[in-house]
Amino acid sequence: MSDTATEKKYQTFAEFYPFYLAEHADITCRRLHFVGSCLVLLCLVSAIVTGNWMLLWLLPVIGYGFAWVGHFFFEKNRPATFTYPLYSLAGDWVMFKDILIGKIKF
């Protein structure tokens, strides 16, 4: 017997992504996510190029730091990461791609 109160509402990423986008309606929040994702990529490349693997410790700080500032101060909502960690991580990168190709306003 399953407890419906503890079941998650979204069973697939395709169902989750429209919710994810609605949670990122504020342009400043989206921009902070985008900047954080860019810095994560730069930090990752830097760690690989320099061999300074300690830089990898910065990845979650940079990624979540920018995103959570966007949510708490601009979007004024609770990040979906707390309920849907994997879908949210995928959503960050899909939204990043959608901003890059102009599908979502930056």
PDB file of N, CA and C in Angstrom:
ATOM      1  N   MET A   1       0.850  -1.180   0.000  1.00  0.00           N
ATOM      2  CA  MET A   1       0.000   0.000   0.000  1.00  0.00           C
ATOM      3  C   MET A   1       0.892   1.238   0.000  1.00  0.00           C
ATOM      4  N   SER A   2       0.625   2.156  -0.919  1.00  0.00           N
ATOM      5  CA  SER A   2       1.449   3.361  -0.994  1.00  0.00           C
ATOM      6  C   SER A   2       0.759   4.511  -0.294  1.00  0.00           C
ATOM      7  N   ASP A   3       1.566   5.401   0.227  1.00  0.00           N
ATOM      8  CA  ASP A   3       1.065   6.593   0.895  1.00  0.00           C
ATOM      9  C   ASP A   3       1.052   7.724  -0.121  1.00  0.00           C
ATOM     10  N   THR A   4      -0.121   8.115  -0.588  1.00  0.00           N
ATOM     11  CA  THR A   4      -0.213   9.126  -1.639  1.00  0.00           C
ATOM     12  C   THR A   4       0.306  10.475  -1.182  1.00  0.00           C
ATOM     13  N   ALA A   5       0.337  10.734   0.104  1.00  0.00           N
ATOM     14  CA  ALA A   5       0.841  12.015   0.603  1.00  0.00           C
ATOM     15  C   ALA A   5       2.342  12.135   0.375  1.00  0.00           C
ATOM     16  N   THR A   6       3.046  11.003   0.330  1.00  0.00           N
ATOM     17  CA  THR A   6       4.491  11.064   0.152  1.00  0.00           C
ATOM     18  C   THR A   6       4.913  10.815  -1.286  1.00  0.00           C
ATOM     19  N   GLU A   7       3.971  10.453  -2.159  1.00  0.00           N
ATOM     20  CA  GLU A   7       4.305  10.241  -3.561  1.00  0.00           C
ATOM     21  C   GLU A   7       4.546  11.579  -4.244  1.00  0.00           C
ATOM     22  N   LYS A   8       5.465  11.596  -5.157  1.00  0.00           N
ATOM     23  CA  LYS A   8       5.757  12.811  -5.894  1.00  0.00           C
ATOM     24  C   LYS A   8       4.770  12.969  -7.037  1.00  0.00           C
ATOM     25  N   LYS A   9       4.439  14.201  -7.321  1.00  0.00           N
ATOM     26  CA  LYS A   9       3.430  14.508  -8.328  1.00  0.00           C
ATOM     27  C   LYS A   9       3.914  14.204  -9.745  1.00  0.00           C
ATOM     28  N   TYR A  10       5.180  14.438 -10.026  1.00  0.00           N
ATOM     29  CA  TYR A  10       5.704  14.284 -11.383  1.00  0.00           C
ATOM     30  C   TYR A  10       6.457  12.967 -11.499  1.00  0.00           C
ATOM     31  N   GLN A  11       6.022  12.157 -12.448  1.00  0.00           N
ATOM     32  CA  GLN A  11       6.628  10.846 -12.649  1.00  0.00           C
ATOM     33  C   GLN A  11       7.660  10.845 -13.778  1.00  0.00           C
ATOM     34  N   THR A  12       7.611  11.861 -14.651  1.00  0.00           N
ATOM     35  CA  THR A  12       8.569  11.953 -15.752  1.00  0.00           C
ATOM     36  C   THR A  12       9.094  13.381 -15.838  1.00  0.00           C
ATOM     37  N   PHE A  13      10.246  13.530 -16.462  1.00  0.00           N
ATOM     38  CA  PHE A  13      10.811  14.864 -16.652  1.00  0.00           C
ATOM     39  C   PHE A  13       9.919  15.697 -17.567  1.00  0.00           C
ATOM     40  N   ALA A  14       9.321  15.075 -18.561  1.00  0.00           N
ATOM     41  CA  ALA A  14       8.419  15.797 -19.478  1.00  0.00           C
ATOM     42  C   ALA A  14       7.246  16.421 -18.726  1.00  0.00           C
ATOM     43  N   GLU A  15       6.746  15.749 -17.709  1.00  0.00           N
ATOM     44  CA  GLU A  15       5.678  16.304 -16.876  1.00  0.00           C
ATOM     45  C   GLU A  15       6.212  17.410 -15.969  1.00  0.00           C
ATOM     46  N   PHE A  16       7.440  17.240 -15.505  1.00  0.00           N
ATOM     47  CA  PHE A  16       8.039  18.164 -14.544  1.00  0.00           C
ATOM     48  C   PHE A  16       8.477  19.480 -15.164  1.00  0.00           C
ATOM     49  N   TYR A  17       9.003  19.463 -16.381  1.00  0.00           N
ATOM     50  CA  TYR A  17       9.646  20.656 -16.956  1.00  0.00           C
ATOM     51  C   TYR A  17       8.723  21.878 -17.053  1.00  0.00           C
ATOM     52  N   PRO A  18       7.454  21.748 -17.447  1.00  0.00           N
ATOM     53  CA  PRO A  18       6.586  22.940 -17.430  1.00  0.00           C
ATOM     54  C   PRO A  18       6.452  23.548 -16.026  1.00  0.00           C
ATOM     55  N   PHE A  19       6.362  22.696 -15.002  1.00  0.00           N
ATOM     56  CA  PHE A  19       6.345  23.178 -13.619  1.00  0.00           C
ATOM     57  C   PHE A  19       7.646  23.905 -13.307  1.00  0.00           C
ATOM     58  N   TYR A  20       8.758  23.311 -13.698  1.00  0.00           N
ATOM     59  CA  TYR A  20      10.075  23.905 -13.467  1.00  0.00           C
ATOM     60  C   TYR A  20      10.148  25.302 -14.085  1.00  0.00           C
ATOM     61  N   LEU A  21       9.688  25.436 -15.317  1.00  0.00           N
ATOM     62  CA  LEU A  21       9.712  26.746 -15.978  1.00  0.00           C
ATOM     63  C   LEU A  21       8.817  27.756 -15.265  1.00  0.00           C
ATOM     64  N   ALA A  22       7.678  27.302 -14.780  1.00  0.00           N
ATOM     65  CA  ALA A  22       6.779  28.202 -14.041  1.00  0.00           C
ATOM     66  C   ALA A  22       7.433  28.696 -12.754  1.00  0.00           C
ATOM     67  N   GLU A  23       8.294  27.887 -12.174  1.00  0.00           N
ATOM     68  CA  GLU A  23       9.008  28.276 -10.959  1.00  0.00           C
ATOM     69  C   GLU A  23      10.176  29.216 -11.255  1.00  0.00           C
ATOM     70  N   HIS A  24      10.401  29.505 -12.532  1.00  0.00           N
ATOM     71  CA  HIS A  24      11.480  30.391 -12.970  1.00  0.00           C
ATOM     72  C   HIS A  24      10.929  31.498 -13.859  1.00  0.00           C
ATOM     73  N   ALA A  25       9.777  32.030 -13.482  1.00  0.00           N
ATOM     74  CA  ALA A  25       9.126  33.077 -14.275  1.00  0.00           C
ATOM     75  C   ALA A  25       9.858  34.417 -14.179  1.00  0.00           C
ATOM     76  N   ASP A  26      10.499  34.669 -13.050  1.00  0.00           N
ATOM     77  CA  ASP A  26      11.220  35.928 -12.855  1.00  0.00           C
ATOM     78  C   ASP A  26      12.512  35.929 -13.672  1.00  0.00           C
ATOM     79  N   ILE A  27      12.693  36.963 -14.488  1.00  0.00           N
ATOM     80  CA  ILE A  27      13.855  37.006 -15.386  1.00  0.00           C
ATOM     81  C   ILE A  27      15.177  37.078 -14.626  1.00  0.00           C
ATOM     82  N   THR A  28      15.184  37.749 -13.479  1.00  0.00           N
ATOM     83  CA  THR A  28      16.423  37.824 -12.691  1.00  0.00           C
ATOM     84  C   THR A  28      16.783  36.448 -12.161  1.00  0.00           C
ATOM     85  N   CYS A  29      15.803  35.691 -11.739  1.00  0.00           N
ATOM     86  CA  CYS A  29      16.050  34.321 -11.273  1.00  0.00           C
ATOM     87  C   CYS A  29      16.640  33.483 -12.407  1.00  0.00           C
ATOM     88  N   ARG A  30      16.031  33.567 -13.585  1.00  0.00           N
ATOM     89  CA  ARG A  30      16.557  32.822 -14.744  1.00  0.00           C
ATOM     90  C   ARG A  30      17.978  33.256 -15.070  1.00  0.00           C
ATOM     91  N   ARG A  31      18.224  34.546 -15.024  1.00  0.00           N
ATOM     92  CA  ARG A  31      19.577  35.045 -15.326  1.00  0.00           C
ATOM     93  C   ARG A  31      20.589  34.544 -14.310  1.00  0.00           C
ATOM     94  N   LEU A  32      20.211  34.515 -13.041  1.00  0.00           N
ATOM     95  CA  LEU A  32      21.131  33.998 -12.020  1.00  0.00           C
ATOM     96  C   LEU A  32      21.401  32.516 -12.239  1.00  0.00           C
ATOM     97  N   HIS A  33      20.384  31.754 -12.612  1.00  0.00           N
ATOM     98  CA  HIS A  33      20.598  30.346 -12.946  1.00  0.00           C
ATOM     99  C   HIS A  33      21.579  30.218 -14.113  1.00  0.00           C
ATOM    100  N   PHE A  34      21.375  31.030 -15.131  1.00  0.00           N
ATOM    101  CA  PHE A  34      22.218  30.964 -16.321  1.00  0.00           C
ATOM    102  C   PHE A  34      23.672  31.312 -15.984  1.00  0.00           C
ATOM    103  N   VAL A  35      23.873  32.383 -15.236  1.00  0.00           N
ATOM    104  CA  VAL A  35      25.230  32.790 -14.838  1.00  0.00           C
ATOM    105  C   VAL A  35      25.871  31.699 -13.987  1.00  0.00           C
ATOM    106  N   GLY A  36      25.115  31.156 -13.035  1.00  0.00           N
ATOM    107  CA  GLY A  36      25.644  30.076 -12.203  1.00  0.00           C
ATOM    108  C   GLY A  36      26.050  28.867 -13.032  1.00  0.00           C
ATOM    109  N   SER A  37      25.222  28.507 -14.011  1.00  0.00           N
ATOM    110  CA  SER A  37      25.548  27.369 -14.879  1.00  0.00           C
ATOM    111  C   SER A  37      26.794  27.647 -15.716  1.00  0.00           C
ATOM    112  N   CYS A  38      26.914  28.862 -16.232  1.00  0.00           N
ATOM    113  CA  CYS A  38      28.129  29.237 -16.988  1.00  0.00           C
ATOM    114  C   CYS A  38      29.366  29.118 -16.110  1.00  0.00           C
ATOM    115  N   LEU A  39      29.270  29.617 -14.883  1.00  0.00           N
ATOM    116  CA  LEU A  39      30.414  29.547 -13.966  1.00  0.00           C
ATOM    117  C   LEU A  39      30.742  28.106 -13.582  1.00  0.00           C
ATOM    118  N   VAL A  40      29.734  27.277 -13.454  1.00  0.00           N
ATOM    119  CA  VAL A  40      29.963  25.851 -13.177  1.00  0.00           C
ATOM    120  C   VAL A  40      30.759  25.232 -14.323  1.00  0.00           C
ATOM    121  N   LEU A  41      30.354  25.522 -15.552  1.00  0.00           N
ATOM    122  CA  LEU A  41      31.078  24.983 -16.707  1.00  0.00           C
ATOM    123  C   LEU A  41      32.516  25.493 -16.756  1.00  0.00           C
ATOM    124  N   LEU A  42      32.697  26.787 -16.504  1.00  0.00           N
ATOM    125  CA  LEU A  42      34.051  27.358 -16.497  1.00  0.00           C
ATOM    126  C   LEU A  42      34.915  26.743 -15.402  1.00  0.00           C
ATOM    127  N   CYS A  43      34.350  26.546 -14.254  1.00  0.00           N
ATOM    128  CA  CYS A  43      35.081  25.939 -13.140  1.00  0.00           C
ATOM    129  C   CYS A  43      35.444  24.490 -13.463  1.00  0.00           C
ATOM    130  N   LEU A  44      34.519  23.759 -14.069  1.00  0.00           N
ATOM    131  CA  LEU A  44      34.780  22.376 -14.456  1.00  0.00           C
ATOM    132  C   LEU A  44      35.905  22.305 -15.488  1.00  0.00           C
ATOM    133  N   VAL A  45      35.825  23.142 -16.498  1.00  0.00           N
ATOM    134  CA  VAL A  45      36.876  23.175 -17.526  1.00  0.00           C
ATOM    135  C   VAL A  45      38.211  23.554 -16.897  1.00  0.00           C
ATOM    136  N   SER A  46      38.192  24.539 -16.021  1.00  0.00           N
ATOM    137  CA  SER A  46      39.418  24.964 -15.348  1.00  0.00           C
ATOM    138  C   SER A  46      40.031  23.828 -14.530  1.00  0.00           C
ATOM    139  N   ALA A  47      39.189  23.074 -13.827  1.00  0.00           N
ATOM    140  CA  ALA A  47      39.689  21.941 -13.040  1.00  0.00           C
ATOM    141  C   ALA A  47      40.333  20.896 -13.939  1.00  0.00           C
ATOM    142  N   ILE A  48      39.709  20.639 -15.079  1.00  0.00           N
ATOM    143  CA  ILE A  48      40.238  19.638 -16.007  1.00  0.00           C
ATOM    144  C   ILE A  48      41.550  20.114 -16.636  1.00  0.00           C
ATOM    145  N   VAL A  49      41.572  21.371 -17.080  1.00  0.00           N
ATOM    146  CA  VAL A  49      42.757  21.908 -17.759  1.00  0.00           C
ATOM    147  C   VAL A  49      43.948  22.014 -16.811  1.00  0.00           C
ATOM    148  N   THR A  50      43.695  22.495 -15.588  1.00  0.00           N
ATOM    149  CA  THR A  50      44.795  22.712 -14.647  1.00  0.00           C
ATOM    150  C   THR A  50      45.117  21.488 -13.813  1.00  0.00           C
ATOM    151  N   GLY A  51      44.199  20.531 -13.773  1.00  0.00           N
ATOM    152  CA  GLY A  51      44.396  19.371 -12.911  1.00  0.00           C
ATOM    153  C   GLY A  51      44.165  19.689 -11.447  1.00  0.00           C
ATOM    154  N   ASN A  52      43.616  20.863 -11.172  1.00  0.00           N
ATOM    155  CA  ASN A  52      43.326  21.266  -9.796  1.00  0.00           C
ATOM    156  C   ASN A  52      41.931  20.749  -9.434  1.00  0.00           C
ATOM    157  N   TRP A  53      41.886  19.510  -8.973  1.00  0.00           N
ATOM    158  CA  TRP A  53      40.611  18.847  -8.710  1.00  0.00           C
ATOM    159  C   TRP A  53      39.891  19.417  -7.498  1.00  0.00           C
ATOM    160  N   MET A  54      40.570  20.208  -6.700  1.00  0.00           N
ATOM    161  CA  MET A  54      39.916  20.867  -5.562  1.00  0.00           C
ATOM    162  C   MET A  54      38.850  21.855  -6.038  1.00  0.00           C
ATOM    163  N   LEU A  55      38.994  22.344  -7.256  1.00  0.00           N
ATOM    164  CA  LEU A  55      37.994  23.267  -7.809  1.00  0.00           C
ATOM    165  C   LEU A  55      36.618  22.612  -7.921  1.00  0.00           C
ATOM    166  N   LEU A  56      36.592  21.299  -8.013  1.00  0.00           N
ATOM    167  CA  LEU A  56      35.321  20.589  -8.139  1.00  0.00           C
ATOM    168  C   LEU A  56      34.428  20.792  -6.918  1.00  0.00           C
ATOM    169  N   TRP A  57      35.043  21.073  -5.770  1.00  0.00           N
ATOM    170  CA  TRP A  57      34.259  21.352  -4.561  1.00  0.00           C
ATOM    171  C   TRP A  57      33.418  22.620  -4.719  1.00  0.00           C
ATOM    172  N   LEU A  58      33.831  23.495  -5.617  1.00  0.00           N
ATOM    173  CA  LEU A  58      33.098  24.744  -5.829  1.00  0.00           C
ATOM    174  C   LEU A  58      31.837  24.569  -6.678  1.00  0.00           C
ATOM    175  N   LEU A  59      31.758  23.492  -7.431  1.00  0.00           N
ATOM    176  CA  LEU A  59      30.634  23.320  -8.355  1.00  0.00           C
ATOM    177  C   LEU A  59      29.261  23.437  -7.690  1.00  0.00           C
ATOM    178  N   PRO A  60      28.987  22.688  -6.625  1.00  0.00           N
ATOM    179  CA  PRO A  60      27.656  22.845  -6.014  1.00  0.00           C
ATOM    180  C   PRO A  60      27.456  24.208  -5.353  1.00  0.00           C
ATOM    181  N   VAL A  61      28.520  24.773  -4.818  1.00  0.00           N
ATOM    182  CA  VAL A  61      28.412  26.092  -4.179  1.00  0.00           C
ATOM    183  C   VAL A  61      28.034  27.143  -5.215  1.00  0.00           C
ATOM    184  N   ILE A  62      28.709  27.110  -6.349  1.00  0.00           N
ATOM    185  CA  ILE A  62      28.427  28.072  -7.419  1.00  0.00           C
ATOM    186  C   ILE A  62      27.042  27.813  -8.007  1.00  0.00           C
ATOM    187  N   GLY A  63      26.792  26.591  -8.389  1.00  0.00           N
ATOM    188  CA  GLY A  63      25.524  26.262  -9.040  1.00  0.00           C
ATOM    189  C   GLY A  63      24.325  26.545  -8.161  1.00  0.00           C
ATOM    190  N   TYR A  64      24.336  26.004  -6.952  1.00  0.00           N
ATOM    191  CA  TYR A  64      23.200  26.218  -6.064  1.00  0.00           C
ATOM    192  C   TYR A  64      23.175  27.629  -5.501  1.00  0.00           C
ATOM    193  N   GLY A  65      24.334  28.207  -5.283  1.00  0.00           N
ATOM    194  CA  GLY A  65      24.385  29.563  -4.726  1.00  0.00           C
ATOM    195  C   GLY A  65      23.649  30.578  -5.577  1.00  0.00           C
ATOM    196  N   PHE A  66      23.972  30.638  -6.843  1.00  0.00           N
ATOM    197  CA  PHE A  66      23.310  31.578  -7.748  1.00  0.00           C
ATOM    198  C   PHE A  66      21.818  31.251  -7.878  1.00  0.00           C
ATOM    199  N   ALA A  67      21.505  29.967  -8.012  1.00  0.00           N
ATOM    200  CA  ALA A  67      20.108  29.555  -8.187  1.00  0.00           C
ATOM    201  C   ALA A  67      19.271  29.902  -6.959  1.00  0.00           C
ATOM    202  N   TRP A  68      19.794  29.615  -5.781  1.00  0.00           N
ATOM    203  CA  TRP A  68      19.013  29.841  -4.568  1.00  0.00           C
ATOM    204  C   TRP A  68      18.844  31.324  -4.266  1.00  0.00           C
ATOM    205  N   VAL A  69      19.826  32.142  -4.603  1.00  0.00           N
ATOM    206  CA  VAL A  69      19.643  33.593  -4.467  1.00  0.00           C
ATOM    207  C   VAL A  69      18.477  34.024  -5.354  1.00  0.00           C
ATOM    208  N   GLY A  70      18.443  33.503  -6.565  1.00  0.00           N
ATOM    209  CA  GLY A  70      17.351  33.821  -7.478  1.00  0.00           C
ATOM    210  C   GLY A  70      15.996  33.426  -6.926  1.00  0.00           C
ATOM    211  N   HIS A  71      15.919  32.252  -6.313  1.00  0.00           N
ATOM    212  CA  HIS A  71      14.646  31.787  -5.776  1.00  0.00           C
ATOM    213  C   HIS A  71      14.230  32.541  -4.517  1.00  0.00           C
ATOM    214  N   PHE A  72      15.138  32.692  -3.580  1.00  0.00           N
ATOM    215  CA  PHE A  72      14.772  33.276  -2.292  1.00  0.00           C
ATOM    216  C   PHE A  72      14.541  34.779  -2.361  1.00  0.00           C
ATOM    217  N   PHE A  73      15.297  35.497  -3.202  1.00  0.00           N
ATOM    218  CA  PHE A  73      15.205  36.956  -3.221  1.00  0.00           C
ATOM    219  C   PHE A  73      14.408  37.531  -4.387  1.00  0.00           C
ATOM    220  N   PHE A  74      14.311  36.818  -5.480  1.00  0.00           N
ATOM    221  CA  PHE A  74      13.622  37.361  -6.658  1.00  0.00           C
ATOM    222  C   PHE A  74      12.345  36.589  -6.983  1.00  0.00           C
ATOM    223  N   GLU A  75      12.456  35.281  -7.095  1.00  0.00           N
ATOM    224  CA  GLU A  75      11.286  34.463  -7.408  1.00  0.00           C
ATOM    225  C   GLU A  75      10.387  34.314  -6.178  1.00  0.00           C
ATOM    226  N   LYS A  76      11.026  34.343  -5.006  1.00  0.00           N
ATOM    227  CA  LYS A  76      10.332  34.193  -3.719  1.00  0.00           C
ATOM    228  C   LYS A  76       9.557  32.872  -3.627  1.00  0.00           C
ATOM    229  N   ASN A  77      10.241  31.815  -4.010  1.00  0.00           N
ATOM    230  CA  ASN A  77       9.663  30.483  -3.880  1.00  0.00           C
ATOM    231  C   ASN A  77      10.731  29.510  -3.398  1.00  0.00           C
ATOM    232  N   ARG A  78      10.309  28.317  -3.111  1.00  0.00           N
ATOM    233  CA  ARG A  78      11.206  27.268  -2.620  1.00  0.00           C
ATOM    234  C   ARG A  78      11.762  26.507  -3.819  1.00  0.00           C
ATOM    235  N   PRO A  79      13.079  26.390  -3.938  1.00  0.00           N
ATOM    236  CA  PRO A  79      13.644  25.669  -5.084  1.00  0.00           C
ATOM    237  C   PRO A  79      13.102  24.243  -5.188  1.00  0.00           C
ATOM    238  N   ALA A  80      12.792  23.843  -6.398  1.00  0.00           N
ATOM    239  CA  ALA A  80      12.276  22.494  -6.647  1.00  0.00           C
ATOM    240  C   ALA A  80      13.312  21.425  -6.324  1.00  0.00           C
ATOM    241  N   THR A  81      14.563  21.832  -6.182  1.00  0.00           N
ATOM    242  CA  THR A  81      15.649  20.901  -5.855  1.00  0.00           C
ATOM    243  C   THR A  81      15.343  20.118  -4.589  1.00  0.00           C
ATOM    244  N   PHE A  82      14.643  20.728  -3.652  1.00  0.00           N
ATOM    245  CA  PHE A  82      14.366  20.066  -2.385  1.00  0.00           C
ATOM    246  C   PHE A  82      13.398  18.897  -2.537  1.00  0.00           C
ATOM    247  N   THR A  83      12.524  18.958  -3.535  1.00  0.00           N
ATOM    248  CA  THR A  83      11.542  17.898  -3.754  1.00  0.00           C
ATOM    249  C   THR A  83      11.909  16.993  -4.921  1.00  0.00           C
ATOM    250  N   TYR A  84      12.472  17.580  -5.956  1.00  0.00           N
ATOM    251  CA  TYR A  84      12.817  16.854  -7.186  1.00  0.00           C
ATOM    252  C   TYR A  84      14.283  17.116  -7.549  1.00  0.00           C
ATOM    253  N   PRO A  85      15.231  16.591  -6.797  1.00  0.00           N
ATOM    254  CA  PRO A  85      16.637  16.939  -7.038  1.00  0.00           C
ATOM    255  C   PRO A  85      17.157  16.575  -8.433  1.00  0.00           C
ATOM    256  N   LEU A  86      16.849  15.393  -8.927  1.00  0.00           N
ATOM    257  CA  LEU A  86      17.376  14.993 -10.235  1.00  0.00           C
ATOM    258  C   LEU A  86      16.667  15.710 -11.379  1.00  0.00           C
ATOM    259  N   TYR A  87      15.344  15.810 -11.288  1.00  0.00           N
ATOM    260  CA  TYR A  87      14.601  16.546 -12.309  1.00  0.00           C
ATOM    261  C   TYR A  87      15.024  18.016 -12.325  1.00  0.00           C
ATOM    262  N   SER A  88      15.283  18.587 -11.160  1.00  0.00           N
ATOM    263  CA  SER A  88      15.699  19.992 -11.091  1.00  0.00           C
ATOM    264  C   SER A  88      17.069  20.191 -11.728  1.00  0.00           C
ATOM    265  N   LEU A  89      17.975  19.267 -11.470  1.00  0.00           N
ATOM    266  CA  LEU A  89      19.299  19.353 -12.082  1.00  0.00           C
ATOM    267  C   LEU A  89      19.174  19.269 -13.602  1.00  0.00           C
ATOM    268  N   ALA A  90      18.377  18.344 -14.073  1.00  0.00           N
ATOM    269  CA  ALA A  90      18.149  18.241 -15.522  1.00  0.00           C
ATOM    270  C   ALA A  90      17.468  19.506 -16.039  1.00  0.00           C
ATOM    271  N   GLY A  91      16.507  20.022 -15.280  1.00  0.00           N
ATOM    272  CA  GLY A  91      15.811  21.249 -15.668  1.00  0.00           C
ATOM    273  C   GLY A  91      16.746  22.430 -15.796  1.00  0.00           C
ATOM    274  N   ASP A  92      17.726  22.522 -14.891  1.00  0.00           N
ATOM    275  CA  ASP A  92      18.710  23.609 -14.974  1.00  0.00           C
ATOM    276  C   ASP A  92      19.418  23.594 -16.322  1.00  0.00           C
ATOM    277  N   TRP A  93      19.837  22.411 -16.740  1.00  0.00           N
ATOM    278  CA  TRP A  93      20.608  22.324 -17.976  1.00  0.00           C
ATOM    279  C   TRP A  93      19.739  22.431 -19.224  1.00  0.00           C
ATOM    280  N   VAL A  94      18.506  21.950 -19.156  1.00  0.00           N
ATOM    281  CA  VAL A  94      17.597  22.129 -20.292  1.00  0.00           C
ATOM    282  C   VAL A  94      17.236  23.609 -20.426  1.00  0.00           C
ATOM    283  N   MET A  95      16.968  24.275 -19.293  1.00  0.00           N
ATOM    284  CA  MET A  95      16.671  25.704 -19.340  1.00  0.00           C
ATOM    285  C   MET A  95      17.890  26.488 -19.845  1.00  0.00           C
ATOM    286  N   PHE A  96      19.081  26.107 -19.421  1.00  0.00           N
ATOM    287  CA  PHE A  96      20.318  26.733 -19.888  1.00  0.00           C
ATOM    288  C   PHE A  96      20.400  26.637 -21.410  1.00  0.00           C
ATOM    289  N   LYS A  97      20.153  25.425 -21.932  1.00  0.00           N
ATOM    290  CA  LYS A  97      20.160  25.213 -23.385  1.00  0.00           C
ATOM    291  C   LYS A  97      19.078  26.033 -24.063  1.00  0.00           C
ATOM    292  N   ASP A  98      17.878  26.059 -23.475  1.00  0.00           N
ATOM    293  CA  ASP A  98      16.771  26.818 -24.059  1.00  0.00           C
ATOM    294  C   ASP A  98      17.058  28.314 -24.074  1.00  0.00           C
ATOM    295  N   ILE A  99      17.763  28.814 -23.086  1.00  0.00           N
ATOM    296  CA  ILE A  99      18.170  30.240 -23.088  1.00  0.00           C
ATOM    297  C   ILE A  99      19.217  30.458 -24.171  1.00  0.00           C
ATOM    298  N   LEU A 100      20.176  29.559 -24.276  1.00  0.00           N
ATOM    299  CA  LEU A 100      21.232  29.689 -25.291  1.00  0.00           C
ATOM    300  C   LEU A 100      20.670  29.737 -26.714  1.00  0.00           C
ATOM    301  N   ILE A 101      19.659  28.919 -26.984  1.00  0.00           N
ATOM    302  CA  ILE A 101      19.119  28.876 -28.357  1.00  0.00           C
ATOM    303  C   ILE A 101      18.004  29.888 -28.567  1.00  0.00           C
ATOM    304  N   GLY A 102      17.685  30.674 -27.545  1.00  0.00           N
ATOM    305  CA  GLY A 102      16.688  31.718 -27.679  1.00  0.00           C
ATOM    306  C   GLY A 102      15.248  31.276 -27.485  1.00  0.00           C
ATOM    307  N   LYS A 103      15.039  30.063 -27.029  1.00  0.00           N
ATOM    308  CA  LYS A 103      13.692  29.551 -26.795  1.00  0.00           C
ATOM    309  C   LYS A 103      13.064  30.206 -25.556  1.00  0.00           C
ATOM    310  N   ILE A 104      13.917  30.550 -24.588  1.00  0.00           N
ATOM    311  CA  ILE A 104      13.484  31.224 -23.354  1.00  0.00           C
ATOM    312  C   ILE A 104      14.181  32.573 -23.290  1.00  0.00           C
ATOM    313  N   LYS A 105      13.428  33.593 -22.920  1.00  0.00           N
ATOM    314  CA  LYS A 105      13.964  34.953 -22.851  1.00  0.00           C
ATOM    315  C   LYS A 105      15.009  35.080 -21.749  1.00  0.00           C
ATOM    316  N   PHE A 106      16.105  35.740 -22.094  1.00  0.00           N
ATOM    317  CA  PHE A 106      17.174  36.029 -21.145  1.00  0.00           C
ATOM    318  C   PHE A 106      17.149  37.518 -20.892  1.00  0.00           C
TER     319      PHE A 106
END
